Amino acid sequence: MSGSTSQLYSVGGHSSPAIDAQPSHSISAQPSHAVTTTPSTFLNDVLKGLSSPQKSLSSKYFYDETGDRLFQRIMECDDYYLTRCEMEIFREHSAELAQPLNIHSGAFDLIELGAGDGTKTRHLLDYLHHQVADFRYLPVDISGHILDVLSQNLATTLPGVDVEPQQGDYFDALASICQTSERRKVLLFLGSNIGNMTVEECSTFCQRLASMMSPGDMLITGFDLKKDPRTVLRAYDDSDGITREFNLNLLRRINEELQADFDLTGFEHYQTYDPGSGACRSYLISQREQTVTIGGQRILFLRHEPLFMEVSRKFSRRDIGDLATESGFSQVAEVCDRKGWFMNAIWKRNA
């Protein structure tokens, strides 16, 4: 559960994706995370996760209509700081974000991976437009509906900005853009979606991005920084139990769409945070020995057995710098909120 919107991995974060998917629990102000998939794919993914030694469910399936609504409520919680911190950066520091981008050195493509409704990005677009930068904005999202919403909003609020929505997954859309445009590229990957990946996935993802960029292209990425462990835990274990309902909602969705028989009263939400590794992990704990039937298969849960739901990693400045270096980038700037809890790092693709 982290941050930008609607792709298979988001907004922050809250999720553990596969590299070819997109992050899920993201922190855009208006997430639309619904994954376009088939019942057979959903079933196969669920059975694969529940057949592993450490039972797990893919967090890319959190976001049905109810999941989107619950995540909206999570973002409104006082303790869920991620959304507010990155919004503050874009609202108050767009000039600082733009300064390293050399916006007057020729035309460029501004490509946002997992754009959602573009609420945060609108501040940067407004700044670039008023600076008379020669750019076009290409928001990428798997949801055609949310791209329509974004385009309509920008047509009203920033009619002078060239907006060309790209529906699809990150790498397919990026490949298509690279084939049709020779412009310099500036990529946005916001909301601490990067934290929804394991260490290995994160490295592979960044290296793959770098392989599709040209020397001198830029990448702005959102990172949730390591901080007081109690602050982190409160963000993912709210006192109103909304995060608990958010996790349990995936079991309800499996029951409804895959005709399973999870007893939602038989599982309880449990959150952990390791301040050393920065990994914040969500689990549902089986409250008794029980058997769940899904797709004709019977899955045994032991009493107190954990069901892993997602990881939301936090980063130190050294972690971020090391990731940039190993992925083929150089970090040229960073912009943080006033509390120093969240960073948008600006990387340049090395030659």
Foldseek 3Di string as FASTA:
>chain_A
DWAFAAKQQDLDDWFADFLQTFNHHHQDLQHQHADDDDLVVQQVQQVVQLPDPQRAHGQSHLHDPVLSVLSNVLNVDPLQCRNVWLLQCLQPPLVVVCVVLPQVPDEEEEEEARCQLVPSVVSNVVVSVVVVGHYAYEYEHQDPVRVVNNVVVCCVVPVPHHYDYDHDHDPVSLVVCLVVDPHAYEYEAHSLSLQQYDPVSSLVNLLVVLVSHDFFHKYWYKAFAQDPVVSVVCSQCPPVCSNFVSQLVSVVVQCVSFVKDDDSVQWTKDWDADSVFQKIWIWIFGQAWDWMAGPNDIRTDHHRRIYTYTIGGHHHPVRVQVSQVSSQWHFDDWTTGPVRRMITTMIGHHD
